[in-house]
């Protein structure tokens, strides 16, 4: 199991379009991936779950992956976030 903290820097946070890109990236990997904000933890492969967290610009999230490609999963999602979801 591997975890990483990330700051959301794009203007719209993880809403609608960026959240879709986020879950599409998460679904590329076989590992179980969780995203946490404050005291809530949801499946990173669930659009409704991710949207329910209300993640806005400047917030810090925790990603946790567990499985055979956990490092690749966290790296892929981290790169997507670092690039601002191509917005």
PDB file of N, CA and C in Angstrom:
ATOM      1  N   UNK A   1       0.854  -1.173   0.000  1.00  0.00           N
ATOM      2  CA  UNK A   1       0.000   0.000   0.000  1.00  0.00           C
ATOM      3  C   UNK A   1       0.901   1.238   0.000  1.00  0.00           C
ATOM      4  N   UNK A   2       0.554   2.190  -0.876  1.00  0.00           N
ATOM      5  CA  UNK A   2       1.318   3.418  -1.029  1.00  0.00           C
ATOM      6  C   UNK A   2       0.376   4.603  -0.984  1.00  0.00           C
ATOM      7  N   UNK A   3       0.818   5.680  -0.333  1.00  0.00           N
ATOM      8  CA  UNK A   3      -0.009   6.894  -0.241  1.00  0.00           C
ATOM      9  C   UNK A   3       0.799   8.113  -0.655  1.00  0.00           C
ATOM     10  N   UNK A   4       0.057   9.138  -1.060  1.00  0.00           N
ATOM     11  CA  UNK A   4       0.686  10.384  -1.487  1.00  0.00           C
ATOM     12  C   UNK A   4      -0.307  11.518  -1.252  1.00  0.00           C
ATOM     13  N   UNK A   5       0.204  12.652  -0.777  1.00  0.00           N
ATOM     14  CA  UNK A   5      -0.619  13.851  -0.601  1.00  0.00           C
ATOM     15  C   UNK A   5      -0.404  14.769  -1.794  1.00  0.00           C
ATOM     16  N   UNK A   6      -1.510  15.331  -2.313  1.00  0.00           N
ATOM     17  CA  UNK A   6      -1.439  16.208  -3.472  1.00  0.00           C
ATOM     18  C   UNK A   6      -2.320  17.425  -3.260  1.00  0.00           C
ATOM     19  N   UNK A   7      -1.880  18.558  -3.796  1.00  0.00           N
ATOM     20  CA  UNK A   7      -2.660  19.786  -3.741  1.00  0.00           C
ATOM     21  C   UNK A   7      -3.313  19.994  -5.102  1.00  0.00           C
ATOM     22  N   UNK A   8      -4.594  20.262  -5.093  1.00  0.00           N
ATOM     23  CA  UNK A   8      -5.336  20.516  -6.327  1.00  0.00           C
ATOM     24  C   UNK A   8      -5.104  21.974  -6.729  1.00  0.00           C
ATOM     25  N   UNK A   9      -4.559  22.179  -7.925  1.00  0.00           N
ATOM     26  CA  UNK A   9      -4.175  23.534  -8.345  1.00  0.00           C
ATOM     27  C   UNK A   9      -5.004  24.091  -9.494  1.00  0.00           C
ATOM     28  N   UNK A  10      -5.791  23.261 -10.170  1.00  0.00           N
ATOM     29  CA  UNK A  10      -6.584  23.802 -11.275  1.00  0.00           C
ATOM     30  C   UNK A  10      -7.752  24.624 -10.740  1.00  0.00           C
ATOM     31  N   UNK A  11      -8.242  25.552 -11.556  1.00  0.00           N
ATOM     32  CA  UNK A  11      -9.247  26.519 -11.104  1.00  0.00           C
ATOM     33  C   UNK A  11     -10.563  25.911 -10.642  1.00  0.00           C
ATOM     34  N   UNK A  12     -11.012  24.841 -11.275  1.00  0.00           N
ATOM     35  CA  UNK A  12     -12.330  24.297 -10.928  1.00  0.00           C
ATOM     36  C   UNK A  12     -12.278  23.144  -9.928  1.00  0.00           C
ATOM     37  N   UNK A  13     -11.090  22.782  -9.458  1.00  0.00           N
ATOM     38  CA  UNK A  13     -10.982  21.678  -8.510  1.00  0.00           C
ATOM     39  C   UNK A  13     -11.375  20.365  -9.165  1.00  0.00           C
ATOM     40  N   UNK A  14     -11.894  19.433  -8.394  1.00  0.00           N
ATOM     41  CA  UNK A  14     -12.324  18.146  -8.944  1.00  0.00           C
ATOM     42  C   UNK A  14     -13.829  18.155  -9.136  1.00  0.00           C
ATOM     43  N   UNK A  15     -14.262  18.932 -10.104  1.00  0.00           N
ATOM     44  CA  UNK A  15     -15.681  19.030 -10.430  1.00  0.00           C
ATOM     45  C   UNK A  15     -15.875  18.662 -11.889  1.00  0.00           C
ATOM     46  N   UNK A  16     -16.977  18.021 -12.202  1.00  0.00           N
ATOM     47  CA  UNK A  16     -17.405  17.648 -13.558  1.00  0.00           C
ATOM     48  C   UNK A  16     -16.270  17.147 -14.453  1.00  0.00           C
ATOM     49  N   UNK A  17     -15.783  17.988 -15.345  1.00  0.00           N
ATOM     50  CA  UNK A  17     -14.801  17.554 -16.343  1.00  0.00           C
ATOM     51  C   UNK A  17     -13.495  17.048 -15.722  1.00  0.00           C
ATOM     52  N   UNK A  18     -12.850  17.796 -14.813  1.00  0.00           N
ATOM     53  CA  UNK A  18     -11.619  17.279 -14.210  1.00  0.00           C
ATOM     54  C   UNK A  18     -11.836  15.982 -13.434  1.00  0.00           C
ATOM     55  N   UNK A  19     -12.982  15.855 -12.773  1.00  0.00           N
ATOM     56  CA  UNK A  19     -13.265  14.613 -12.034  1.00  0.00           C
ATOM     57  C   UNK A  19     -13.393  13.441 -12.989  1.00  0.00           C
ATOM     58  N   UNK A  20     -13.944  13.684 -14.162  1.00  0.00           N
ATOM     59  CA  UNK A  20     -14.050  12.630 -15.165  1.00  0.00           C
ATOM     60  C   UNK A  20     -12.662  12.175 -15.602  1.00  0.00           C
ATOM     61  N   UNK A  21     -11.772  13.130 -15.867  1.00  0.00           N
ATOM     62  CA  UNK A  21     -10.394  12.780 -16.232  1.00  0.00           C
ATOM     63  C   UNK A  21      -9.714  12.006 -15.102  1.00  0.00           C
ATOM     64  N   UNK A  22      -9.990  12.420 -13.864  1.00  0.00           N
ATOM     65  CA  UNK A  22      -9.408  11.787 -12.688  1.00  0.00           C
ATOM     66  C   UNK A  22      -9.817  10.312 -12.606  1.00  0.00           C
ATOM     67  N   UNK A  23     -11.115  10.035 -12.726  1.00  0.00           N
ATOM     68  CA  UNK A  23     -11.552   8.642 -12.604  1.00  0.00           C
ATOM     69  C   UNK A  23     -11.150   7.812 -13.814  1.00  0.00           C
ATOM     70  N   UNK A  24     -11.083   8.435 -14.993  1.00  0.00           N
ATOM     71  CA  UNK A  24     -10.602   7.710 -16.174  1.00  0.00           C
ATOM     72  C   UNK A  24      -9.161   7.268 -15.967  1.00  0.00           C
ATOM     73  N   UNK A  25      -8.350   8.140 -15.398  1.00  0.00           N
ATOM     74  CA  UNK A  25      -6.958   7.784 -15.113  1.00  0.00           C
ATOM     75  C   UNK A  25      -6.903   6.682 -14.068  1.00  0.00           C
ATOM     76  N   UNK A  26      -7.684   6.802 -13.008  1.00  0.00           N
ATOM     77  CA  UNK A  26      -7.696   5.788 -11.944  1.00  0.00           C
ATOM     78  C   UNK A  26      -8.109   4.421 -12.491  1.00  0.00           C
ATOM     79  N   UNK A  27      -9.050   4.415 -13.417  1.00  0.00           N
ATOM     80  CA  UNK A  27      -9.545   3.154 -13.974  1.00  0.00           C
ATOM     81  C   UNK A  27      -8.565   2.473 -14.924  1.00  0.00           C
ATOM     82  N   UNK A  28      -7.471   3.110 -15.249  1.00  0.00           N
ATOM     83  CA  UNK A  28      -6.438   2.487 -16.085  1.00  0.00           C
ATOM     84  C   UNK A  28      -5.643   1.441 -15.312  1.00  0.00           C
ATOM     85  N   UNK A  29      -5.752   1.463 -13.992  1.00  0.00           N
ATOM     86  CA  UNK A  29      -4.915   0.629 -13.138  1.00  0.00           C
ATOM     87  C   UNK A  29      -5.744  -0.442 -12.430  1.00  0.00           C
ATOM     88  N   UNK A  30      -5.090  -1.550 -12.156  1.00  0.00           N
ATOM     89  CA  UNK A  30      -5.760  -2.673 -11.488  1.00  0.00           C
ATOM     90  C   UNK A  30      -5.851  -2.485  -9.978  1.00  0.00           C
ATOM     91  N   UNK A  31      -4.971  -1.674  -9.425  1.00  0.00           N
ATOM     92  CA  UNK A  31      -4.943  -1.449  -7.976  1.00  0.00           C
ATOM     93  C   UNK A  31      -6.240  -0.821  -7.484  1.00  0.00           C
ATOM     94  N   UNK A  32      -6.528  -1.054  -6.223  1.00  0.00           N
ATOM     95  CA  UNK A  32      -7.599  -0.347  -5.541  1.00  0.00           C
ATOM     96  C   UNK A  32      -7.053   1.025  -5.183  1.00  0.00           C
ATOM     97  N   UNK A  33      -7.797   2.068  -5.522  1.00  0.00           N
ATOM     98  CA  UNK A  33      -7.317   3.436  -5.290  1.00  0.00           C
ATOM     99  C   UNK A  33      -8.392   4.196  -4.508  1.00  0.00           C
ATOM    100  N   UNK A  34      -7.946   4.868  -3.457  1.00  0.00           N
ATOM    101  CA  UNK A  34      -8.838   5.668  -2.614  1.00  0.00           C
ATOM    102  C   UNK A  34      -8.387   7.107  -2.631  1.00  0.00           C
ATOM    103  N   UNK A  35      -9.330   8.021  -2.557  1.00  0.00           N
ATOM    104  CA  UNK A  35      -9.018   9.439  -2.400  1.00  0.00           C
ATOM    105  C   UNK A  35      -9.688   9.910  -1.109  1.00  0.00           C
ATOM    106  N   UNK A  36      -8.916  10.658  -0.317  1.00  0.00           N
ATOM    107  CA  UNK A  36      -9.409  11.133   0.976  1.00  0.00           C
ATOM    108  C   UNK A  36      -9.298  12.649   1.069  1.00  0.00           C
ATOM    109  N   UNK A  37     -10.336  13.248   1.640  1.00  0.00           N
ATOM    110  CA  UNK A  37     -10.314  14.667   1.988  1.00  0.00           C
ATOM    111  C   UNK A  37     -10.935  14.789   3.367  1.00  0.00           C
ATOM    112  N   UNK A  38     -10.198  15.415   4.251  1.00  0.00           N
ATOM    113  CA  UNK A  38     -10.624  15.528   5.646  1.00  0.00           C
ATOM    114  C   UNK A  38     -10.857  14.124   6.209  1.00  0.00           C
ATOM    115  N   UNK A  39     -12.054  13.824   6.673  1.00  0.00           N
ATOM    116  CA  UNK A  39     -12.312  12.516   7.281  1.00  0.00           C
ATOM    117  C   UNK A  39     -13.108  11.593   6.364  1.00  0.00           C
ATOM    118  N   UNK A  40     -13.230  11.962   5.079  1.00  0.00           N
ATOM    119  CA  UNK A  40     -14.001  11.147   4.130  1.00  0.00           C
ATOM    120  C   UNK A  40     -13.068  10.461   3.148  1.00  0.00           C
ATOM    121  N   UNK A  41     -13.383   9.216   2.832  1.00  0.00           N
ATOM    122  CA  UNK A  41     -12.577   8.399   1.937  1.00  0.00           C
ATOM    123  C   UNK A  41     -13.512   7.722   0.941  1.00  0.00           C
ATOM    124  N   UNK A  42     -13.208   7.880  -0.375  1.00  0.00           N
ATOM    125  CA  UNK A  42     -14.056   7.286  -1.409  1.00  0.00           C
ATOM    126  C   UNK A  42     -13.189   6.557  -2.441  1.00  0.00           C
ATOM    127  N   UNK A  43     -13.839   5.697  -3.186  1.00  0.00           N
ATOM    128  CA  UNK A  43     -13.187   4.980  -4.266  1.00  0.00           C
ATOM    129  C   UNK A  43     -12.847   5.977  -5.371  1.00  0.00           C
ATOM    130  N   UNK A  44     -11.580   6.055  -5.754  1.00  0.00           N
ATOM    131  CA  UNK A  44     -11.133   6.998  -6.774  1.00  0.00           C
ATOM    132  C   UNK A  44     -11.632   6.635  -8.166  1.00  0.00           C
ATOM    133  N   UNK A  45     -12.236   5.474  -8.310  1.00  0.00           N
ATOM    134  CA  UNK A  45     -12.757   5.041  -9.605  1.00  0.00           C
ATOM    135  C   UNK A  45     -14.256   5.320  -9.741  1.00  0.00           C
ATOM    136  N   UNK A  46     -14.826   6.006  -8.753  1.00  0.00           N
ATOM    137  CA  UNK A  46     -16.251   6.317  -8.729  1.00  0.00           C
ATOM    138  C   UNK A  46     -16.460   7.815  -8.921  1.00  0.00           C
ATOM    139  N   UNK A  47     -17.099   8.182 -10.029  1.00  0.00           N
ATOM    140  CA  UNK A  47     -17.350   9.604 -10.297  1.00  0.00           C
ATOM    141  C   UNK A  47     -18.190  10.236  -9.196  1.00  0.00           C
ATOM    142  N   UNK A  48     -19.280   9.584  -8.804  1.00  0.00           N
ATOM    143  CA  UNK A  48     -20.127  10.148  -7.748  1.00  0.00           C
ATOM    144  C   UNK A  48     -19.378  10.278  -6.430  1.00  0.00           C
ATOM    145  N   UNK A  49     -18.532   9.283  -6.143  1.00  0.00           N
ATOM    146  CA  UNK A  49     -17.746   9.354  -4.913  1.00  0.00           C
ATOM    147  C   UNK A  49     -16.797  10.534  -4.911  1.00  0.00           C
ATOM    148  N   UNK A  50     -16.076  10.702  -6.004  1.00  0.00           N
ATOM    149  CA  UNK A  50     -15.113  11.808  -6.109  1.00  0.00           C
ATOM    150  C   UNK A  50     -15.831  13.147  -6.053  1.00  0.00           C
ATOM    151  N   UNK A  51     -16.921  13.278  -6.793  1.00  0.00           N
ATOM    152  CA  UNK A  51     -17.679  14.535  -6.782  1.00  0.00           C
ATOM    153  C   UNK A  51     -18.243  14.843  -5.395  1.00  0.00           C
ATOM    154  N   UNK A  52     -18.606  13.807  -4.644  1.00  0.00           N
ATOM    155  CA  UNK A  52     -19.205  14.015  -3.320  1.00  0.00           C
ATOM    156  C   UNK A  52     -18.239  14.645  -2.320  1.00  0.00           C
ATOM    157  N   UNK A  53     -16.943  14.581  -2.605  1.00  0.00           N
ATOM    158  CA  UNK A  53     -15.956  15.167  -1.688  1.00  0.00           C
ATOM    159  C   UNK A  53     -15.900  16.691  -1.785  1.00  0.00           C
ATOM    160  N   UNK A  54     -16.387  17.254  -2.879  1.00  0.00           N
ATOM    161  CA  UNK A  54     -16.383  18.714  -3.028  1.00  0.00           C
ATOM    162  C   UNK A  54     -14.986  19.302  -3.012  1.00  0.00           C
ATOM    163  N   UNK A  55     -14.080  18.709  -3.749  1.00  0.00           N
ATOM    164  CA  UNK A  55     -12.682  19.143  -3.744  1.00  0.00           C
ATOM    165  C   UNK A  55     -12.508  20.379  -4.622  1.00  0.00           C
ATOM    166  N   UNK A  56     -12.035  21.466  -4.021  1.00  0.00           N
ATOM    167  CA  UNK A  56     -11.852  22.740  -4.719  1.00  0.00           C
ATOM    168  C   UNK A  56     -10.368  23.078  -4.829  1.00  0.00           C
ATOM    169  N   UNK A  57     -10.085  24.095  -5.620  1.00  0.00           N
ATOM    170  CA  UNK A  57      -8.712  24.560  -5.813  1.00  0.00           C
ATOM    171  C   UNK A  57      -8.066  24.877  -4.469  1.00  0.00           C
ATOM    172  N   UNK A  58      -6.828  24.423  -4.309  1.00  0.00           N
ATOM    173  CA  UNK A  58      -6.057  24.690  -3.104  1.00  0.00           C
ATOM    174  C   UNK A  58      -6.188  23.634  -2.022  1.00  0.00           C
ATOM    175  N   UNK A  59      -7.128  22.719  -2.168  1.00  0.00           N
ATOM    176  CA  UNK A  59      -7.311  21.672  -1.162  1.00  0.00           C
ATOM    177  C   UNK A  59      -6.276  20.564  -1.340  1.00  0.00           C
ATOM    178  N   UNK A  60      -5.931  19.933  -0.228  1.00  0.00           N
ATOM    179  CA  UNK A  60      -5.003  18.806  -0.248  1.00  0.00           C
ATOM    180  C   UNK A  60      -5.802  17.519  -0.109  1.00  0.00           C
ATOM    181  N   UNK A  61      -5.476  16.567  -0.967  1.00  0.00           N
ATOM    182  CA  UNK A  61      -6.112  15.253  -0.901  1.00  0.00           C
ATOM    183  C   UNK A  61      -5.040  14.204  -0.644  1.00  0.00           C
ATOM    184  N   UNK A  62      -5.481  13.073  -0.152  1.00  0.00           N
ATOM    185  CA  UNK A  62      -4.587  11.935   0.039  1.00  0.00           C
ATOM    186  C   UNK A  62      -5.033  10.830  -0.907  1.00  0.00           C
ATOM    187  N   UNK A  63      -4.096  10.352  -1.722  1.00  0.00           N
ATOM    188  CA  UNK A  63      -4.352   9.211  -2.590  1.00  0.00           C
ATOM    189  C   UNK A  63      -3.686   7.996  -1.997  1.00  0.00           C
ATOM    190  N   UNK A  64      -4.391   6.894  -1.966  1.00  0.00           N
ATOM    191  CA  UNK A  64      -3.832   5.633  -1.491  1.00  0.00           C
ATOM    192  C   UNK A  64      -4.136   4.563  -2.526  1.00  0.00           C
ATOM    193  N   UNK A  65      -3.104   3.822  -2.914  1.00  0.00           N
ATOM    194  CA  UNK A  65      -3.284   2.734  -3.877  1.00  0.00           C
ATOM    195  C   UNK A  65      -2.739   1.453  -3.267  1.00  0.00           C
ATOM    196  N   UNK A  66      -3.419   0.348  -3.570  1.00  0.00           N
ATOM    197  CA  UNK A  66      -3.016  -0.947  -3.065  1.00  0.00           C
ATOM    198  C   UNK A  66      -3.202  -1.978  -4.175  1.00  0.00           C
ATOM    199  N   UNK A  67      -2.090  -2.569  -4.614  1.00  0.00           N
ATOM    200  CA  UNK A  67      -2.167  -3.570  -5.666  1.00  0.00           C
ATOM    201  C   UNK A  67      -0.876  -3.667  -6.450  1.00  0.00           C
ATOM    202  N   UNK A  68      -0.919  -4.472  -7.495  1.00  0.00           N
ATOM    203  CA  UNK A  68       0.291  -4.776  -8.246  1.00  0.00           C
ATOM    204  C   UNK A  68       0.879  -3.571  -8.976  1.00  0.00           C
ATOM    205  N   UNK A  69       0.059  -2.575  -9.340  1.00  0.00           N
ATOM    206  CA  UNK A  69       0.565  -1.401 -10.049  1.00  0.00           C
ATOM    207  C   UNK A  69       0.334  -0.114  -9.253  1.00  0.00           C
ATOM    208  N   UNK A  70       0.398  -0.231  -7.924  1.00  0.00           N
ATOM    209  CA  UNK A  70       0.085   0.906  -7.055  1.00  0.00           C
ATOM    210  C   UNK A  70       0.987   2.114  -7.299  1.00  0.00           C
ATOM    211  N   UNK A  71       2.283   1.892  -7.499  1.00  0.00           N
ATOM    212  CA  UNK A  71       3.194   3.019  -7.729  1.00  0.00           C
ATOM    213  C   UNK A  71       2.893   3.715  -9.049  1.00  0.00           C
ATOM    214  N   UNK A  72       2.630   2.931 -10.084  1.00  0.00           N
ATOM    215  CA  UNK A  72       2.296   3.501 -11.387  1.00  0.00           C
ATOM    216  C   UNK A  72       0.987   4.280 -11.316  1.00  0.00           C
ATOM    217  N   UNK A  73       0.030   3.760 -10.566  1.00  0.00           N
ATOM    218  CA  UNK A  73      -1.265   4.424 -10.421  1.00  0.00           C
ATOM    219  C   UNK A  73      -1.100   5.787  -9.764  1.00  0.00           C
ATOM    220  N   UNK A  74      -0.368   5.842  -8.667  1.00  0.00           N
ATOM    221  CA  UNK A  74      -0.189   7.120  -7.986  1.00  0.00           C
ATOM    222  C   UNK A  74       0.600   8.093  -8.851  1.00  0.00           C
ATOM    223  N   UNK A  75       1.571   7.604  -9.582  1.00  0.00           N
ATOM    224  CA  UNK A  75       2.360   8.471 -10.465  1.00  0.00           C
ATOM    225  C   UNK A  75       1.491   9.030 -11.592  1.00  0.00           C
ATOM    226  N   UNK A  76       0.684   8.184 -12.208  1.00  0.00           N
ATOM    227  CA  UNK A  76      -0.187   8.628 -13.298  1.00  0.00           C
ATOM    228  C   UNK A  76      -1.190   9.671 -12.849  1.00  0.00           C
ATOM    229  N   UNK A  77      -1.827   9.438 -11.720  1.00  0.00           N
ATOM    230  CA  UNK A  77      -2.809  10.390 -11.204  1.00  0.00           C
ATOM    231  C   UNK A  77      -2.120  11.679 -10.756  1.00  0.00           C
ATOM    232  N   UNK A  78      -0.963  11.555 -10.146  1.00  0.00           N
ATOM    233  CA  UNK A  78      -0.205  12.735  -9.714  1.00  0.00           C
ATOM    234  C   UNK A  78       0.166  13.618 -10.902  1.00  0.00           C
ATOM    235  N   UNK A  79       0.590  13.005 -11.997  1.00  0.00           N
ATOM    236  CA  UNK A  79       0.944  13.776 -13.188  1.00  0.00           C
ATOM    237  C   UNK A  79      -0.271  14.506 -13.750  1.00  0.00           C
ATOM    238  N   UNK A  80      -1.417  13.842 -13.754  1.00  0.00           N
ATOM    239  CA  UNK A  80      -2.642  14.474 -14.228  1.00  0.00           C
ATOM    240  C   UNK A  80      -2.972  15.714 -13.389  1.00  0.00           C
ATOM    241  N   UNK A  81      -2.878  15.579 -12.078  1.00  0.00           N
ATOM    242  CA  UNK A  81      -3.154  16.699 -11.179  1.00  0.00           C
ATOM    243  C   UNK A  81      -2.122  17.804 -11.348  1.00  0.00           C
ATOM    244  N   UNK A  82      -0.840  17.429 -11.439  1.00  0.00           N
ATOM    245  CA  UNK A  82       0.222  18.426 -11.601  1.00  0.00           C
ATOM    246  C   UNK A  82       0.071  19.231 -12.893  1.00  0.00           C
ATOM    247  N   UNK A  83      -0.479  18.607 -13.925  1.00  0.00           N
ATOM    248  CA  UNK A  83      -0.688  19.296 -15.212  1.00  0.00           C
ATOM    249  C   UNK A  83      -1.974  20.110 -15.219  1.00  0.00           C
ATOM    250  N   UNK A  84      -2.685  20.123 -14.103  1.00  0.00           N
ATOM    251  CA  UNK A  84      -3.918  20.911 -13.995  1.00  0.00           C
ATOM    252  C   UNK A  84      -5.052  20.362 -14.836  1.00  0.00           C
ATOM    253  N   UNK A  85      -5.048  19.050 -15.089  1.00  0.00           N
ATOM    254  CA  UNK A  85      -6.103  18.394 -15.858  1.00  0.00           C
ATOM    255  C   UNK A  85      -6.219  18.965 -17.268  1.00  0.00           C
ATOM    256  N   UNK A  86      -5.107  19.525 -17.773  1.00  0.00           N
ATOM    257  CA  UNK A  86      -5.039  20.101 -19.128  1.00  0.00           C
ATOM    258  C   UNK A  86      -6.059  21.229 -19.329  1.00  0.00           C
ATOM    259  N   UNK A  87      -6.327  21.955 -18.266  1.00  0.00           N
ATOM    260  CA  UNK A  87      -7.272  23.082 -18.384  1.00  0.00           C
ATOM    261  C   UNK A  87      -6.516  24.357 -18.722  1.00  0.00           C
TER     262      UNK A  87
END
